[in-house]
Amino acid sequence: MIDLKRNNKKEPVKATGLRVRETSSYTPNQTYDFKISRGRFSNFLTCKRCFYLDRLMGLDPPGTPGWTLNETTDFLLKKEFDHCREHQIPHRLFAPNGLSHVVPFDHPEMDTLRTPRDKS
């Protein structure tokens, strides 16, 4: 399975399924030491075939799946609550739970508050 790839600017790039850096793959009869991390050594102990495909053949293992369900849920909830804020009405789930008097707070800097800050 070829994974979706993005560059450092988060722009989609062509995914070939192969490693890009030459130094991350072993070349037979190379003159310099081939260094691997503890994690790669652990991969060797776990599955020698996967290690061979990864380090010798240069196949890039598929990445972890994205958080599309989490992101979509978050996006839809924000969209629903934005609608409630705009019309100054309670959310549709509030009334069945005895909260029909609660209206989401409309703060003038809502978009600023939603933007994550750098932790630097």
PDB file of N, CA and C in Angstrom:
ATOM      1  N   MET A   1       0.837  -1.176   0.000  1.00  0.00           N
ATOM      2  CA  MET A   1       0.000   0.000   0.000  1.00  0.00           C
ATOM      3  C   MET A   1       0.884   1.242   0.000  1.00  0.00           C
ATOM      4  N   ILE A   2       0.651   2.136  -0.891  1.00  0.00           N
ATOM      5  CA  ILE A   2       1.418   3.383  -0.956  1.00  0.00           C
ATOM      6  C   ILE A   2       0.693   4.430  -0.129  1.00  0.00           C
ATOM      7  N   ASP A   3       1.426   5.047   0.757  1.00  0.00           N
ATOM      8  CA  ASP A   3       0.876   6.030   1.675  1.00  0.00           C
ATOM      9  C   ASP A   3       0.870   7.412   1.036  1.00  0.00           C
ATOM     10  N   LEU A   4      -0.041   8.271   1.461  1.00  0.00           N
ATOM     11  CA  LEU A   4      -0.038   9.648   0.999  1.00  0.00           C
ATOM     12  C   LEU A   4       1.137  10.368   1.620  1.00  0.00           C
ATOM     13  N   LYS A   5       1.850  11.124   0.831  1.00  0.00           N
ATOM     14  CA  LYS A   5       3.025  11.837   1.320  1.00  0.00           C
ATOM     15  C   LYS A   5       2.814  13.331   1.215  1.00  0.00           C
ATOM     16  N   ARG A   6       3.442  14.051   2.138  1.00  0.00           N
ATOM     17  CA  ARG A   6       3.420  15.507   2.115  1.00  0.00           C
ATOM     18  C   ARG A   6       4.835  15.993   2.413  1.00  0.00           C
ATOM     19  N   ASN A   7       5.189  17.131   1.819  1.00  0.00           N
ATOM     20  CA  ASN A   7       6.497  17.713   2.091  1.00  0.00           C
ATOM     21  C   ASN A   7       6.438  18.530   3.378  1.00  0.00           C
ATOM     22  N   ASN A   8       7.527  19.236   3.715  1.00  0.00           N
ATOM     23  CA  ASN A   8       7.571  19.988   4.967  1.00  0.00           C
ATOM     24  C   ASN A   8       6.628  21.186   4.966  1.00  0.00           C
ATOM     25  N   LYS A   9       6.083  21.557   3.794  1.00  0.00           N
ATOM     26  CA  LYS A   9       5.103  22.643   3.710  1.00  0.00           C
ATOM     27  C   LYS A   9       3.683  22.098   3.706  1.00  0.00           C
ATOM     28  N   LYS A  10       3.528  20.797   3.985  1.00  0.00           N
ATOM     29  CA  LYS A  10       2.238  20.105   4.031  1.00  0.00           C
ATOM     30  C   LYS A  10       1.544  20.035   2.678  1.00  0.00           C
ATOM     31  N   GLU A  11       2.334  20.158   1.592  1.00  0.00           N
ATOM     32  CA  GLU A  11       1.784  20.045   0.249  1.00  0.00           C
ATOM     33  C   GLU A  11       1.904  18.595  -0.216  1.00  0.00           C
ATOM     34  N   PRO A  12       0.885  18.060  -0.887  1.00  0.00           N
ATOM     35  CA  PRO A  12       0.975  16.677  -1.361  1.00  0.00           C
ATOM     36  C   PRO A  12       2.097  16.513  -2.388  1.00  0.00           C
ATOM     37  N   VAL A  13       2.826  15.421  -2.260  1.00  0.00           N
ATOM     38  CA  VAL A  13       3.872  15.083  -3.225  1.00  0.00           C
ATOM     39  C   VAL A  13       3.639  13.642  -3.686  1.00  0.00           C
ATOM     40  N   LYS A  14       4.238  13.278  -4.800  1.00  0.00           N
ATOM     41  CA  LYS A  14       4.068  11.938  -5.339  1.00  0.00           C
ATOM     42  C   LYS A  14       4.667  10.904  -4.391  1.00  0.00           C
ATOM     43  N   ALA A  15       3.871   9.908  -4.067  1.00  0.00           N
ATOM     44  CA  ALA A  15       4.335   8.839  -3.188  1.00  0.00           C
ATOM     45  C   ALA A  15       4.755   7.650  -4.034  1.00  0.00           C
ATOM     46  N   THR A  16       6.006   7.269  -3.926  1.00  0.00           N
ATOM     47  CA  THR A  16       6.519   6.154  -4.710  1.00  0.00           C
ATOM     48  C   THR A  16       6.578   4.866  -3.905  1.00  0.00           C
ATOM     49  N   GLY A  17       6.553   4.994  -2.581  1.00  0.00           N
ATOM     50  CA  GLY A  17       6.683   3.820  -1.729  1.00  0.00           C
ATOM     51  C   GLY A  17       8.128   3.448  -1.469  1.00  0.00           C
ATOM     52  N   LEU A  18       9.067   4.236  -2.020  1.00  0.00           N
ATOM     53  CA  LEU A  18      10.491   3.967  -1.834  1.00  0.00           C
ATOM     54  C   LEU A  18      11.128   5.051  -0.973  1.00  0.00           C
ATOM     55  N   ARG A  19      12.186   4.673  -0.277  1.00  0.00           N
ATOM     56  CA  ARG A  19      12.917   5.637   0.538  1.00  0.00           C
ATOM     57  C   ARG A  19      13.605   6.655  -0.365  1.00  0.00           C
ATOM     58  N   VAL A  20      13.696   7.879   0.119  1.00  0.00           N
ATOM     59  CA  VAL A  20      14.295   8.949  -0.667  1.00  0.00           C
ATOM     60  C   VAL A  20      15.787   9.069  -0.361  1.00  0.00           C
ATOM     61  N   ARG A  21      16.147   9.006   0.923  1.00  0.00           N
ATOM     62  CA  ARG A  21      17.555   9.166   1.311  1.00  0.00           C
ATOM     63  C   ARG A  21      18.336   7.881   1.072  1.00  0.00           C
ATOM     64  N   GLU A  22      19.457   7.997   0.404  1.00  0.00           N
ATOM     65  CA  GLU A  22      20.305   6.839   0.109  1.00  0.00           C
ATOM     66  C   GLU A  22      20.910   6.244   1.383  1.00  0.00           C
ATOM     67  N   THR A  23      21.203   7.100   2.374  1.00  0.00           N
ATOM     68  CA  THR A  23      21.880   6.617   3.577  1.00  0.00           C
ATOM     69  C   THR A  23      20.974   5.774   4.465  1.00  0.00           C
ATOM     70  N   SER A  24      19.649   5.800   4.227  1.00  0.00           N
ATOM     71  CA  SER A  24      18.760   5.005   5.071  1.00  0.00           C
ATOM     72  C   SER A  24      18.611   3.577   4.578  1.00  0.00           C
ATOM     73  N   SER A  25      19.173   3.275   3.401  1.00  0.00           N
ATOM     74  CA  SER A  25      19.132   1.922   2.859  1.00  0.00           C
ATOM     75  C   SER A  25      20.541   1.349   2.800  1.00  0.00           C
ATOM     76  N   TYR A  26      20.642   0.049   3.049  1.00  0.00           N
ATOM     77  CA  TYR A  26      21.933  -0.633   3.004  1.00  0.00           C
ATOM     78  C   TYR A  26      22.271  -1.006   1.566  1.00  0.00           C
ATOM     79  N   THR A  27      23.520  -0.769   1.181  1.00  0.00           N
ATOM     80  CA  THR A  27      24.016  -1.148  -0.136  1.00  0.00           C
ATOM     81  C   THR A  27      25.064  -2.245   0.065  1.00  0.00           C
ATOM     82  N   PRO A  28      24.911  -3.416  -0.576  1.00  0.00           N
ATOM     83  CA  PRO A  28      25.899  -4.480  -0.406  1.00  0.00           C
ATOM     84  C   PRO A  28      27.307  -4.009  -0.758  1.00  0.00           C
ATOM     85  N   ASN A  29      28.284  -4.465   0.006  1.00  0.00           N
ATOM     86  CA  ASN A  29      29.711  -4.159  -0.179  1.00  0.00           C
ATOM     87  C   ASN A  29      30.038  -2.684   0.017  1.00  0.00           C
ATOM     88  N   GLN A  30      29.226  -1.975   0.798  1.00  0.00           N
ATOM     89  CA  GLN A  30      29.553  -0.563   1.042  1.00  0.00           C
ATOM     90  C   GLN A  30      30.768  -0.480   1.959  1.00  0.00           C
ATOM     91  N   THR A  31      31.533   0.588   1.836  1.00  0.00           N
ATOM     92  CA  THR A  31      32.804   0.721   2.559  1.00  0.00           C
ATOM     93  C   THR A  31      32.641   1.359   3.940  1.00  0.00           C
ATOM     94  N   TYR A  32      31.514   1.954   4.206  1.00  0.00           N
ATOM     95  CA  TYR A  32      31.313   2.610   5.503  1.00  0.00           C
ATOM     96  C   TYR A  32      30.328   1.794   6.353  1.00  0.00           C
ATOM     97  N   ASP A  33      30.359   2.028   7.652  1.00  0.00           N
ATOM     98  CA  ASP A  33      29.468   1.316   8.566  1.00  0.00           C
ATOM     99  C   ASP A  33      28.018   1.718   8.315  1.00  0.00           C
ATOM    100  N   PHE A  34      27.135   0.737   8.390  1.00  0.00           N
ATOM    101  CA  PHE A  34      25.705   1.012   8.258  1.00  0.00           C
ATOM    102  C   PHE A  34      25.108   1.068   9.656  1.00  0.00           C
ATOM    103  N   LYS A  35      24.703   2.248  10.061  1.00  0.00           N
ATOM    104  CA  LYS A  35      24.191   2.443  11.410  1.00  0.00           C
ATOM    105  C   LYS A  35      22.678   2.323  11.415  1.00  0.00           C
ATOM    106  N   ILE A  36      22.159   1.650  12.452  1.00  0.00           N
ATOM    107  CA  ILE A  36      20.712   1.565  12.633  1.00  0.00           C
ATOM    108  C   ILE A  36      20.384   1.945  14.069  1.00  0.00           C
ATOM    109  N   SER A  37      19.191   2.432  14.257  1.00  0.00           N
ATOM    110  CA  SER A  37      18.753   2.840  15.593  1.00  0.00           C
ATOM    111  C   SER A  37      18.270   1.631  16.387  1.00  0.00           C
ATOM    112  N   ARG A  38      18.036   1.847  17.665  1.00  0.00           N
ATOM    113  CA  ARG A  38      17.495   0.769  18.502  1.00  0.00           C
ATOM    114  C   ARG A  38      16.131   0.325  17.993  1.00  0.00           C
ATOM    115  N   GLY A  39      15.350   1.288  17.506  1.00  0.00           N
ATOM    116  CA  GLY A  39      14.032   0.952  16.980  1.00  0.00           C
ATOM    117  C   GLY A  39      14.119   0.053  15.763  1.00  0.00           C
ATOM    118  N   ARG A  40      15.062   0.344  14.876  1.00  0.00           N
ATOM    119  CA  ARG A  40      15.248  -0.500  13.685  1.00  0.00           C
ATOM    120  C   ARG A  40      15.774  -1.886  14.083  1.00  0.00           C
ATOM    121  N   PHE A  41      16.631  -1.940  15.088  1.00  0.00           N
ATOM    122  CA  PHE A  41      17.124  -3.243  15.556  1.00  0.00           C
ATOM    123  C   PHE A  41      15.978  -4.042  16.159  1.00  0.00           C
ATOM    124  N   SER A  42      15.102  -3.357  16.870  1.00  0.00           N
ATOM    125  CA  SER A  42      13.918  -4.009  17.421  1.00  0.00           C
ATOM    126  C   SER A  42      13.029  -4.533  16.300  1.00  0.00           C
ATOM    127  N   ASN A  43      12.916  -3.761  15.215  1.00  0.00           N
ATOM    128  CA  ASN A  43      12.159  -4.228  14.052  1.00  0.00           C
ATOM    129  C   ASN A  43      12.783  -5.491  13.466  1.00  0.00           C
ATOM    130  N   PHE A  44      14.116  -5.553  13.449  1.00  0.00           N
ATOM    131  CA  PHE A  44      14.821  -6.734  12.957  1.00  0.00           C
ATOM    132  C   PHE A  44      14.485  -7.952  13.804  1.00  0.00           C
ATOM    133  N   LEU A  45      14.472  -7.766  15.120  1.00  0.00           N
ATOM    134  CA  LEU A  45      14.152  -8.886  16.012  1.00  0.00           C
ATOM    135  C   LEU A  45      12.691  -9.311  15.885  1.00  0.00           C
ATOM    136  N   THR A  46      11.823  -8.372  15.614  1.00  0.00           N
ATOM    137  CA  THR A  46      10.395  -8.669  15.505  1.00  0.00           C
ATOM    138  C   THR A  46      10.057  -9.358  14.191  1.00  0.00           C
ATOM    139  N   CYS A  47      10.551  -8.804  13.073  1.00  0.00           N
ATOM    140  CA  CYS A  47      10.223  -9.353  11.751  1.00  0.00           C
ATOM    141  C   CYS A  47      11.398  -9.110  10.811  1.00  0.00           C
ATOM    142  N   LYS A  48      12.168 -10.139  10.565  1.00  0.00           N
ATOM    143  CA  LYS A  48      13.354 -10.009   9.717  1.00  0.00           C
ATOM    144  C   LYS A  48      12.979  -9.670   8.269  1.00  0.00           C
ATOM    145  N   ARG A  49      11.857 -10.175   7.790  1.00  0.00           N
ATOM    146  CA  ARG A  49      11.413  -9.872   6.425  1.00  0.00           C
ATOM    147  C   ARG A  49      11.085  -8.383   6.287  1.00  0.00           C
ATOM    148  N   CYS A  50      10.360  -7.837   7.263  1.00  0.00           N
ATOM    149  CA  CYS A  50      10.009  -6.410   7.222  1.00  0.00           C
ATOM    150  C   CYS A  50      11.270  -5.546   7.273  1.00  0.00           C
ATOM    151  N   PHE A  51      12.248  -5.960   8.114  1.00  0.00           N
ATOM    152  CA  PHE A  51      13.513  -5.238   8.205  1.00  0.00           C
ATOM    153  C   PHE A  51      14.237  -5.272   6.860  1.00  0.00           C
ATOM    154  N   TYR A  52      14.248  -6.445   6.216  1.00  0.00           N
ATOM    155  CA  TYR A  52      14.912  -6.598   4.916  1.00  0.00           C
ATOM    156  C   TYR A  52      14.262  -5.685   3.870  1.00  0.00           C
ATOM    157  N   LEU A  53      12.925  -5.702   3.807  1.00  0.00           N
ATOM    158  CA  LEU A  53      12.225  -4.858   2.835  1.00  0.00           C
ATOM    159  C   LEU A  53      12.460  -3.377   3.115  1.00  0.00           C
ATOM    160  N   ASP A  54      12.535  -3.028   4.386  1.00  0.00           N
ATOM    161  CA  ASP A  54      12.703  -1.630   4.781  1.00  0.00           C
ATOM    162  C   ASP A  54      14.125  -1.138   4.504  1.00  0.00           C
ATOM    163  N   ARG A  55      15.120  -1.814   5.024  1.00  0.00           N
ATOM    164  CA  ARG A  55      16.497  -1.324   4.978  1.00  0.00           C
ATOM    165  C   ARG A  55      17.285  -1.746   3.748  1.00  0.00           C
ATOM    166  N   LEU A  56      17.036  -2.922   3.207  1.00  0.00           N
ATOM    167  CA  LEU A  56      17.822  -3.366   2.058  1.00  0.00           C
ATOM    168  C   LEU A  56      17.143  -3.058   0.731  1.00  0.00           C
ATOM    169  N   MET A  57      15.847  -3.242   0.653  1.00  0.00           N
ATOM    170  CA  MET A  57      15.131  -2.990  -0.595  1.00  0.00           C
ATOM    171  C   MET A  57      14.674  -1.533  -0.702  1.00  0.00           C
ATOM    172  N   GLY A  58      14.675  -0.827   0.421  1.00  0.00           N
ATOM    173  CA  GLY A  58      14.332   0.592   0.397  1.00  0.00           C
ATOM    174  C   GLY A  58      12.843   0.886   0.352  1.00  0.00           C
ATOM    175  N   LEU A  59      12.007  -0.098   0.692  1.00  0.00           N
ATOM    176  CA  LEU A  59      10.566   0.139   0.700  1.00  0.00           C
ATOM    177  C   LEU A  59      10.177   0.896   1.961  1.00  0.00           C
ATOM    178  N   ASP A  60       9.465   1.966   1.770  1.00  0.00           N
ATOM    179  CA  ASP A  60       9.029   2.796   2.883  1.00  0.00           C
ATOM    180  C   ASP A  60       7.765   2.179   3.479  1.00  0.00           C
ATOM    181  N   PRO A  61       7.767   1.826   4.769  1.00  0.00           N
ATOM    182  CA  PRO A  61       6.559   1.229   5.345  1.00  0.00           C
ATOM    183  C   PRO A  61       5.417   2.241   5.381  1.00  0.00           C
ATOM    184  N   PRO A  62       4.171   1.785   5.277  1.00  0.00           N
ATOM    185  CA  PRO A  62       3.057   2.735   5.302  1.00  0.00           C
ATOM    186  C   PRO A  62       2.981   3.437   6.649  1.00  0.00           C
ATOM    187  N   GLY A  63       2.602   4.701   6.619  1.00  0.00           N
ATOM    188  CA  GLY A  63       2.480   5.474   7.847  1.00  0.00           C
ATOM    189  C   GLY A  63       1.195   5.127   8.582  1.00  0.00           C
ATOM    190  N   THR A  64       1.036   5.737   9.729  1.00  0.00           N
ATOM    191  CA  THR A  64      -0.182   5.522  10.492  1.00  0.00           C
ATOM    192  C   THR A  64      -1.327   6.284   9.835  1.00  0.00           C
ATOM    193  N   PRO A  65      -2.525   5.749   9.928  1.00  0.00           N
ATOM    194  CA  PRO A  65      -3.644   6.460   9.307  1.00  0.00           C
ATOM    195  C   PRO A  65      -3.899   7.794  10.002  1.00  0.00           C
ATOM    196  N   GLY A  66      -4.440   8.721   9.263  1.00  0.00           N
ATOM    197  CA  GLY A  66      -4.726  10.039   9.828  1.00  0.00           C
ATOM    198  C   GLY A  66      -5.877   9.997  10.814  1.00  0.00           C
ATOM    199  N   TRP A  67      -6.125  11.119  11.411  1.00  0.00           N
ATOM    200  CA  TRP A  67      -7.179  11.226  12.417  1.00  0.00           C
ATOM    201  C   TRP A  67      -8.431  11.817  11.787  1.00  0.00           C
ATOM    202  N   THR A  68      -8.846  11.279  10.634  1.00  0.00           N
ATOM    203  CA  THR A  68      -9.960  11.871   9.902  1.00  0.00           C
ATOM    204  C   THR A  68     -11.258  11.839  10.687  1.00  0.00           C
ATOM    205  N   LEU A  69     -11.529  10.769  11.426  1.00  0.00           N
ATOM    206  CA  LEU A  69     -12.770  10.709  12.191  1.00  0.00           C
ATOM    207  C   LEU A  69     -12.772  11.771  13.280  1.00  0.00           C
ATOM    208  N   ASN A  70     -11.657  11.899  13.995  1.00  0.00           N
ATOM    209  CA  ASN A  70     -11.559  12.919  15.041  1.00  0.00           C
ATOM    210  C   ASN A  70     -11.674  14.324  14.462  1.00  0.00           C
ATOM    211  N   GLU A  71     -10.964  14.565  13.382  1.00  0.00           N
ATOM    212  CA  GLU A  71     -10.980  15.893  12.756  1.00  0.00           C
ATOM    213  C   GLU A  71     -12.364  16.242  12.234  1.00  0.00           C
ATOM    214  N   THR A  72     -13.025  15.277  11.617  1.00  0.00           N
ATOM    215  CA  THR A  72     -14.353  15.522  11.060  1.00  0.00           C
ATOM    216  C   THR A  72     -15.365  15.788  12.169  1.00  0.00           C
ATOM    217  N   THR A  73     -15.299  15.003  13.241  1.00  0.00           N
ATOM    218  CA  THR A  73     -16.201  15.223  14.375  1.00  0.00           C
ATOM    219  C   THR A  73     -15.997  16.611  14.960  1.00  0.00           C
ATOM    220  N   ASP A  74     -14.749  16.989  15.148  1.00  0.00           N
ATOM    221  CA  ASP A  74     -14.436  18.307  15.680  1.00  0.00           C
ATOM    222  C   ASP A  74     -14.961  19.407  14.757  1.00  0.00           C
ATOM    223  N   PHE A  75     -14.747  19.255  13.461  1.00  0.00           N
ATOM    224  CA  PHE A  75     -15.184  20.248  12.482  1.00  0.00           C
ATOM    225  C   PHE A  75     -16.708  20.400  12.494  1.00  0.00           C
ATOM    226  N   LEU A  76     -17.418  19.257  12.512  1.00  0.00           N
ATOM    227  CA  LEU A  76     -18.883  19.317  12.486  1.00  0.00           C
ATOM    228  C   LEU A  76     -19.460  19.907  13.775  1.00  0.00           C
ATOM    229  N   LEU A  77     -18.864  19.559  14.916  1.00  0.00           N
ATOM    230  CA  LEU A  77     -19.327  20.140  16.179  1.00  0.00           C
ATOM    231  C   LEU A  77     -19.134  21.649  16.195  1.00  0.00           C
ATOM    232  N   LYS A  78     -17.983  22.103  15.750  1.00  0.00           N
ATOM    233  CA  LYS A  78     -17.728  23.546  15.708  1.00  0.00           C
ATOM    234  C   LYS A  78     -18.704  24.237  14.765  1.00  0.00           C
ATOM    235  N   LYS A  79     -18.999  23.590  13.636  1.00  0.00           N
ATOM    236  CA  LYS A  79     -19.924  24.166  12.672  1.00  0.00           C
ATOM    237  C   LYS A  79     -21.332  24.283  13.279  1.00  0.00           C
ATOM    238  N   GLU A  80     -21.789  23.239  13.976  1.00  0.00           N
ATOM    239  CA  GLU A  80     -23.108  23.267  14.612  1.00  0.00           C
ATOM    240  C   GLU A  80     -23.180  24.350  15.688  1.00  0.00           C
ATOM    241  N   PHE A  81     -22.163  24.423  16.523  1.00  0.00           N
ATOM    242  CA  PHE A  81     -22.169  25.417  17.596  1.00  0.00           C
ATOM    243  C   PHE A  81     -22.029  26.838  17.041  1.00  0.00           C
ATOM    244  N   ASP A  82     -21.309  27.003  15.931  1.00  0.00           N
ATOM    245  CA  ASP A  82     -21.230  28.319  15.295  1.00  0.00           C
ATOM    246  C   ASP A  82     -22.613  28.763  14.804  1.00  0.00           C
ATOM    247  N   HIS A  83     -23.367  27.822  14.261  1.00  0.00           N
ATOM    248  CA  HIS A  83     -24.735  28.135  13.820  1.00  0.00           C
ATOM    249  C   HIS A  83     -25.592  28.569  15.027  1.00  0.00           C
ATOM    250  N   CYS A  84     -25.469  27.846  16.132  1.00  0.00           N
ATOM    251  CA  CYS A  84     -26.224  28.191  17.345  1.00  0.00           C
ATOM    252  C   CYS A  84     -25.797  29.556  17.888  1.00  0.00           C
ATOM    253  N   ARG A  85     -24.526  29.853  17.845  1.00  0.00           N
ATOM    254  CA  ARG A  85     -24.040  31.158  18.303  1.00  0.00           C
ATOM    255  C   ARG A  85     -24.607  32.278  17.442  1.00  0.00           C
ATOM    256  N   GLU A  86     -24.559  32.065  16.135  1.00  0.00           N
ATOM    257  CA  GLU A  86     -25.007  33.089  15.201  1.00  0.00           C
ATOM    258  C   GLU A  86     -26.492  33.414  15.383  1.00  0.00           C
ATOM    259  N   HIS A  87     -27.320  32.394  15.600  1.00  0.00           N
ATOM    260  CA  HIS A  87     -28.757  32.590  15.738  1.00  0.00           C
ATOM    261  C   HIS A  87     -29.210  32.709  17.199  1.00  0.00           C
ATOM    262  N   GLN A  88     -28.266  32.603  18.132  1.00  0.00           N
ATOM    263  CA  GLN A  88     -28.551  32.698  19.573  1.00  0.00           C
ATOM    264  C   GLN A  88     -29.660  31.729  19.987  1.00  0.00           C
ATOM    265  N   ILE A  89     -29.463  30.439  19.600  1.00  0.00           N
ATOM    266  CA  ILE A  89     -30.393  29.376  19.977  1.00  0.00           C
ATOM    267  C   ILE A  89     -29.611  28.272  20.665  1.00  0.00           C
ATOM    268  N   PRO A  90     -30.272  27.475  21.524  1.00  0.00           N
ATOM    269  CA  PRO A  90     -29.563  26.350  22.146  1.00  0.00           C
ATOM    270  C   PRO A  90     -29.305  25.242  21.113  1.00  0.00           C
ATOM    271  N   HIS A  91     -28.274  24.455  21.371  1.00  0.00           N
ATOM    272  CA  HIS A  91     -27.957  23.328  20.500  1.00  0.00           C
ATOM    273  C   HIS A  91     -29.077  22.301  20.602  1.00  0.00           C
ATOM    274  N   ARG A  92     -29.279  21.522  19.530  1.00  0.00           N
ATOM    275  CA  ARG A  92     -30.394  20.573  19.484  1.00  0.00           C
ATOM    276  C   ARG A  92     -30.306  19.475  20.549  1.00  0.00           C
ATOM    277  N   LEU A  93     -29.122  19.208  21.060  1.00  0.00           N
ATOM    278  CA  LEU A  93     -28.973  18.192  22.101  1.00  0.00           C
ATOM    279  C   LEU A  93     -29.166  18.749  23.513  1.00  0.00           C
ATOM    280  N   PHE A  94     -29.249  20.056  23.639  1.00  0.00           N
ATOM    281  CA  PHE A  94     -29.389  20.663  24.965  1.00  0.00           C
ATOM    282  C   PHE A  94     -30.777  20.423  25.559  1.00  0.00           C
ATOM    283  N   ALA A  95     -31.839  20.604  24.772  1.00  0.00           N
ATOM    284  CA  ALA A  95     -33.216  20.508  25.279  1.00  0.00           C
ATOM    285  C   ALA A  95     -33.540  19.132  25.880  1.00  0.00           C
ATOM    286  N   PRO A  96     -33.226  18.021  25.210  1.00  0.00           N
ATOM    287  CA  PRO A  96     -33.538  16.715  25.804  1.00  0.00           C
ATOM    288  C   PRO A  96     -32.790  16.450  27.120  1.00  0.00           C
ATOM    289  N   ASN A  97     -31.742  17.211  27.370  1.00  0.00           N
ATOM    290  CA  ASN A  97     -30.953  17.029  28.585  1.00  0.00           C
ATOM    291  C   ASN A  97     -31.218  18.123  29.621  1.00  0.00           C
ATOM    292  N   GLY A  98     -32.315  18.833  29.441  1.00  0.00           N
ATOM    293  CA  GLY A  98     -32.704  19.850  30.413  1.00  0.00           C
ATOM    294  C   GLY A  98     -31.881  21.123  30.349  1.00  0.00           C
ATOM    295  N   LEU A  99     -31.265  21.405  29.214  1.00  0.00           N
ATOM    296  CA  LEU A  99     -30.417  22.592  29.085  1.00  0.00           C
ATOM    297  C   LEU A  99     -30.925  23.526  27.982  1.00  0.00           C
ATOM    298  N   SER A 100     -32.247  23.585  27.806  1.00  0.00           N
ATOM    299  CA  SER A 100     -32.799  24.396  26.726  1.00  0.00           C
ATOM    300  C   SER A 100     -32.598  25.890  26.941  1.00  0.00           C
ATOM    301  N   HIS A 101     -32.183  26.282  28.125  1.00  0.00           N
ATOM    302  CA  HIS A 101     -31.920  27.693  28.415  1.00  0.00           C
ATOM    303  C   HIS A 101     -30.473  28.097  28.129  1.00  0.00           C
ATOM    304  N   VAL A 102     -29.625  27.128  27.774  1.00  0.00           N
ATOM    305  CA  VAL A 102     -28.205  27.398  27.551  1.00  0.00           C
ATOM    306  C   VAL A 102     -27.957  27.678  26.066  1.00  0.00           C
ATOM    307  N   VAL A 103     -27.339  28.818  25.786  1.00  0.00           N
ATOM    308  CA  VAL A 103     -26.977  29.202  24.425  1.00  0.00           C
ATOM    309  C   VAL A 103     -25.448  29.316  24.365  1.00  0.00           C
ATOM    310  N   PRO A 104     -24.806  28.734  23.349  1.00  0.00           N
ATOM    311  CA  PRO A 104     -23.343  28.841  23.251  1.00  0.00           C
ATOM    312  C   PRO A 104     -22.887  30.298  23.254  1.00  0.00           C
ATOM    313  N   PHE A 105     -21.824  30.562  23.995  1.00  0.00           N
ATOM    314  CA  PHE A 105     -21.295  31.911  24.160  1.00  0.00           C
ATOM    315  C   PHE A 105     -20.674  32.410  22.858  1.00  0.00           C
ATOM    316  N   ASP A 106     -21.038  33.603  22.461  1.00  0.00           N
ATOM    317  CA  ASP A 106     -20.504  34.207  21.241  1.00  0.00           C
ATOM    318  C   ASP A 106     -19.405  35.198  21.615  1.00  0.00           C
ATOM    319  N   HIS A 107     -18.165  34.766  21.494  1.00  0.00           N
ATOM    320  CA  HIS A 107     -17.018  35.605  21.843  1.00  0.00           C
ATOM    321  C   HIS A 107     -16.492  36.265  20.574  1.00  0.00           C
ATOM    322  N   PRO A 108     -16.167  37.564  20.612  1.00  0.00           N
ATOM    323  CA  PRO A 108     -15.695  38.244  19.394  1.00  0.00           C
ATOM    324  C   PRO A 108     -14.377  37.689  18.844  1.00  0.00           C
ATOM    325  N   GLU A 109     -13.590  37.047  19.678  1.00  0.00           N
ATOM    326  CA  GLU A 109     -12.301  36.510  19.230  1.00  0.00           C
ATOM    327  C   GLU A 109     -12.333  34.983  19.146  1.00  0.00           C
ATOM    328  N   MET A 110     -13.474  34.400  18.762  1.00  0.00           N
ATOM    329  CA  MET A 110     -13.613  32.941  18.726  1.00  0.00           C
ATOM    330  C   MET A 110     -12.576  32.297  17.808  1.00  0.00           C
ATOM    331  N   ASP A 111     -12.354  32.859  16.627  1.00  0.00           N
ATOM    332  CA  ASP A 111     -11.372  32.274  15.700  1.00  0.00           C
ATOM    333  C   ASP A 111      -9.960  32.337  16.256  1.00  0.00           C
ATOM    334  N   THR A 112      -9.632  33.419  16.967  1.00  0.00           N
ATOM    335  CA  THR A 112      -8.311  33.541  17.590  1.00  0.00           C
ATOM    336  C   THR A 112      -8.146  32.500  18.691  1.00  0.00           C
ATOM    337  N   LEU A 113      -9.205  32.280  19.458  1.00  0.00           N
ATOM    338  CA  LEU A 113      -9.142  31.301  20.548  1.00  0.00           C
ATOM    339  C   LEU A 113      -9.012  29.877  20.020  1.00  0.00           C
ATOM    340  N   ARG A 114      -9.536  29.606  18.850  1.00  0.00           N
ATOM    341  CA  ARG A 114      -9.469  28.262  18.269  1.00  0.00           C
ATOM    342  C   ARG A 114      -8.105  27.960  17.668  1.00  0.00           C
ATOM    343  N   THR A 115      -7.363  28.955  17.280  1.00  0.00           N
ATOM    344  CA  THR A 115      -6.070  28.746  16.640  1.00  0.00           C
ATOM    345  C   THR A 115      -5.048  28.291  17.665  1.00  0.00           C
ATOM    346  N   PRO A 116      -4.438  27.110  17.455  1.00  0.00           N
ATOM    347  CA  PRO A 116      -3.452  26.647  18.423  1.00  0.00           C
ATOM    348  C   PRO A 116      -2.207  27.534  18.410  1.00  0.00           C
ATOM    349  N   ARG A 117      -1.677  27.770  19.602  1.00  0.00           N
ATOM    350  CA  ARG A 117      -0.452  28.583  19.726  1.00  0.00           C
ATOM    351  C   ARG A 117       0.764  27.685  19.665  1.00  0.00           C
ATOM    352  N   ASP A 118       1.869  28.241  19.176  1.00  0.00           N
ATOM    353  CA  ASP A 118       3.139  27.501  19.176  1.00  0.00           C
ATOM    354  C   ASP A 118       3.592  27.341  20.607  1.00  0.00           C
ATOM    355  N   LYS A 119       4.195  26.175  20.897  1.00  0.00           N
ATOM    356  CA  LYS A 119       4.689  25.915  22.258  1.00  0.00           C
ATOM    357  C   LYS A 119       6.171  26.215  22.372  1.00  0.00           C
ATOM    358  N   SER A 120       6.612  27.235  21.644  1.00  0.00           N
ATOM    359  CA  SER A 120       8.039  27.594  21.679  1.00  0.00           C
ATOM    360  C   SER A 120       8.293  28.715  22.636  1.00  0.00           C
TER     361      SER A 120
END
